[in-house]
Amino acid sequence: MTWVLENSHYSGELRIIHLVIADIANDLYDNQFRLGEESLAASANCSINAVRQAIKRMVEDGYLGIIKHSHDPDTPSIYRFLMPTTLFSQKTIGERNDA
């Protein structure tokens, strides 16, 4: 969670979801974790749709890696929490609508 607080360029709901994911990730297992969208939405106090959009964005931005995607709603997907050192310039972040 400290890494997110110090390095994440997200704000608002997206930042909260990023923090919750960081809390779930287990460094003993190479930062892999199972992600149940409903559970994450409840923890972040947001909608499942917001969680889905956040996950998509974090994968695109390089903050999450997909290990195994599940198409079964009862089986969570497996992700890896990533902590890249440099992803964006401040200008790039500022140009995004949700930065």
C-alpha atoms as a PDB file:
ATOM      1  CA  MET A   1       0.000   0.000   0.000  1.00  0.00           C
ATOM      2  CA  THR A   2       2.897   2.339   0.703  1.00  0.00           C
ATOM      3  CA  TRP A   3       4.070   1.953  -2.884  1.00  0.00           C
ATOM      4  CA  VAL A   4       0.650   3.028  -4.180  1.00  0.00           C
ATOM      5  CA  LEU A   5       0.521   6.005  -1.829  1.00  0.00           C
ATOM      6  CA  GLU A   6       3.942   7.152  -3.006  1.00  0.00           C
ATOM      7  CA  ASN A   7       3.810   6.226  -6.712  1.00  0.00           C
ATOM      8  CA  SER A   8       0.298   5.815  -8.074  1.00  0.00           C
ATOM      9  CA  HIS A   9      -0.794   8.605 -10.385  1.00  0.00           C
ATOM     10  CA  TYR A  10      -4.467   7.716  -9.982  1.00  0.00           C
ATOM     11  CA  SER A  11      -6.949   9.766  -8.019  1.00  0.00           C
ATOM     12  CA  GLY A  12     -10.438   9.342  -6.628  1.00  0.00           C
ATOM     13  CA  GLU A  13     -12.185   5.999  -6.963  1.00  0.00           C
ATOM     14  CA  LEU A  14      -9.433   4.556  -9.144  1.00  0.00           C
ATOM     15  CA  ARG A  15      -6.832   5.316  -6.465  1.00  0.00           C
ATOM     16  CA  ILE A  16      -8.970   3.673  -3.768  1.00  0.00           C
ATOM     17  CA  ILE A  17      -9.322   0.547  -5.904  1.00  0.00           C
ATOM     18  CA  HIS A  18      -5.550   0.577  -6.486  1.00  0.00           C
ATOM     19  CA  LEU A  19      -4.980   0.775  -2.719  1.00  0.00           C
ATOM     20  CA  VAL A  20      -7.371  -2.091  -2.007  1.00  0.00           C
ATOM     21  CA  ILE A  21      -5.650  -4.237  -4.638  1.00  0.00           C
ATOM     22  CA  ALA A  22      -2.262  -3.414  -3.109  1.00  0.00           C
ATOM     23  CA  ASP A  23      -3.615  -4.532   0.259  1.00  0.00           C
ATOM     24  CA  ILE A  24      -4.746  -7.864  -1.242  1.00  0.00           C
ATOM     25  CA  ALA A  25      -1.502  -8.641  -3.106  1.00  0.00           C
ATOM     26  CA  ASN A  26       0.811 -11.040  -1.294  1.00  0.00           C
ATOM     27  CA  ASP A  27       4.544 -10.494  -1.758  1.00  0.00           C
ATOM     28  CA  LEU A  28       5.196 -14.051  -0.547  1.00  0.00           C
ATOM     29  CA  TYR A  29       3.562 -15.282  -3.759  1.00  0.00           C
ATOM     30  CA  ASP A  30       5.284 -12.895  -6.195  1.00  0.00           C
ATOM     31  CA  ASN A  31       2.468 -10.353  -5.705  1.00  0.00           C
ATOM     32  CA  GLN A  32      -0.074 -12.702  -7.254  1.00  0.00           C
ATOM     33  CA  PHE A  33      -3.644 -12.599  -6.016  1.00  0.00           C
ATOM     34  CA  ARG A  34      -7.115 -13.823  -6.826  1.00  0.00           C
ATOM     35  CA  LEU A  35      -9.526 -11.047  -7.525  1.00  0.00           C
ATOM     36  CA  GLY A  36     -13.231 -11.379  -6.892  1.00  0.00           C
ATOM     37  CA  GLU A  37     -14.884  -8.322  -8.429  1.00  0.00           C
ATOM     38  CA  GLU A  38     -17.758  -8.291  -5.927  1.00  0.00           C
ATOM     39  CA  SER A  39     -15.415  -8.493  -2.957  1.00  0.00           C
ATOM     40  CA  LEU A  40     -13.184  -5.760  -4.348  1.00  0.00           C
ATOM     41  CA  ALA A  41     -16.193  -3.537  -5.050  1.00  0.00           C
ATOM     42  CA  ALA A  42     -17.401  -4.004  -1.476  1.00  0.00           C
ATOM     43  CA  SER A  43     -13.949  -3.239  -0.035  1.00  0.00           C
ATOM     44  CA  ALA A  44     -13.549  -0.123  -2.191  1.00  0.00           C
ATOM     45  CA  ASN A  45     -17.187   0.906  -1.665  1.00  0.00           C
ATOM     46  CA  CYS A  46     -17.829   1.215  -5.384  1.00  0.00           C
ATOM     47  CA  SER A  47     -19.724  -0.534  -8.172  1.00  0.00           C
ATOM     48  CA  ILE A  48     -18.625  -3.722  -9.906  1.00  0.00           C
ATOM     49  CA  ASN A  49     -18.575  -1.722 -13.134  1.00  0.00           C
ATOM     50  CA  ALA A  50     -16.082   0.716 -11.575  1.00  0.00           C
ATOM     51  CA  VAL A  51     -13.918  -2.257 -10.539  1.00  0.00           C
ATOM     52  CA  ARG A  52     -14.009  -3.710 -14.054  1.00  0.00           C
ATOM     53  CA  GLN A  53     -13.044  -0.385 -15.600  1.00  0.00           C
ATOM     54  CA  ALA A  54     -10.259   0.102 -13.044  1.00  0.00           C
ATOM     55  CA  ILE A  55      -8.827  -3.362 -13.646  1.00  0.00           C
ATOM     56  CA  LYS A  56      -8.875  -2.805 -17.403  1.00  0.00           C
ATOM     57  CA  ARG A  57      -7.134   0.539 -16.974  1.00  0.00           C
ATOM     58  CA  MET A  58      -4.519  -0.814 -14.551  1.00  0.00           C
ATOM     59  CA  VAL A  59      -3.696  -3.687 -16.917  1.00  0.00           C
ATOM     60  CA  GLU A  60      -3.360  -1.215 -19.811  1.00  0.00           C
ATOM     61  CA  ASP A  61      -1.206   1.107 -17.693  1.00  0.00           C
ATOM     62  CA  GLY A  62       1.095  -1.684 -16.506  1.00  0.00           C
ATOM     63  CA  TYR A  63       0.041  -1.770 -12.833  1.00  0.00           C
ATOM     64  CA  LEU A  64      -1.564  -5.230 -13.090  1.00  0.00           C
ATOM     65  CA  GLY A  65      -0.584  -8.326 -15.016  1.00  0.00           C
ATOM     66  CA  ILE A  66      -3.115 -11.014 -15.896  1.00  0.00           C
ATOM     67  CA  ILE A  67      -1.954 -14.482 -14.828  1.00  0.00           C
ATOM     68  CA  LYS A  68      -5.219 -16.329 -15.486  1.00  0.00           C
ATOM     69  CA  HIS A  69      -8.448 -14.717 -16.642  1.00  0.00           C
ATOM     70  CA  SER A  70     -11.605 -16.463 -15.496  1.00  0.00           C
ATOM     71  CA  HIS A  71     -14.807 -16.262 -17.505  1.00  0.00           C
ATOM     72  CA  ASP A  72     -16.744 -17.928 -14.679  1.00  0.00           C
ATOM     73  CA  PRO A  73     -18.236 -15.345 -12.294  1.00  0.00           C
ATOM     74  CA  ASP A  74     -17.807 -17.797  -9.389  1.00  0.00           C
ATOM     75  CA  THR A  75     -14.076 -18.249 -10.033  1.00  0.00           C
ATOM     76  CA  PRO A  76     -11.865 -15.202  -9.496  1.00  0.00           C
ATOM     77  CA  SER A  77      -9.203 -14.251 -12.017  1.00  0.00           C
ATOM     78  CA  ILE A  78      -5.562 -14.327 -10.966  1.00  0.00           C
ATOM     79  CA  TYR A  79      -3.470 -11.171 -11.321  1.00  0.00           C
ATOM     80  CA  ARG A  80      -0.015  -9.935 -10.392  1.00  0.00           C
ATOM     81  CA  PHE A  81       0.360  -6.551  -8.726  1.00  0.00           C
ATOM     82  CA  LEU A  82       3.109  -4.664 -10.553  1.00  0.00           C
ATOM     83  CA  MET A  83       5.210  -1.815  -9.227  1.00  0.00           C
ATOM     84  CA  PRO A  84       6.926  -0.305 -12.248  1.00  0.00           C
ATOM     85  CA  THR A  85       9.448   2.400 -11.513  1.00  0.00           C
ATOM     86  CA  THR A  86       8.442   4.743 -14.341  1.00  0.00           C
ATOM     87  CA  LEU A  87       5.240   4.468 -16.314  1.00  0.00           C
ATOM     88  CA  PHE A  88       4.222   7.922 -17.422  1.00  0.00           C
ATOM     89  CA  SER A  89       5.458  11.418 -17.587  1.00  0.00           C
ATOM     90  CA  GLN A  90       3.421  13.915 -15.597  1.00  0.00           C
ATOM     91  CA  LYS A  91       2.216  15.418 -18.878  1.00  0.00           C
ATOM     92  CA  THR A  92       0.791  12.075 -20.016  1.00  0.00           C
ATOM     93  CA  ILE A  93      -1.010  11.589 -16.704  1.00  0.00           C
ATOM     94  CA  GLY A  94      -2.378  15.113 -16.781  1.00  0.00           C
ATOM     95  CA  GLU A  95      -3.810  14.534 -20.234  1.00  0.00           C
ATOM     96  CA  ARG A  96      -5.929  11.590 -19.098  1.00  0.00           C
ATOM     97  CA  ASN A  97      -9.460  12.448 -18.034  1.00  0.00           C
ATOM     98  CA  ASP A  98      -9.310  10.764 -14.630  1.00  0.00           C
ATOM     99  CA  ALA A  99      -5.862  11.841 -13.508  1.00  0.00           C
END
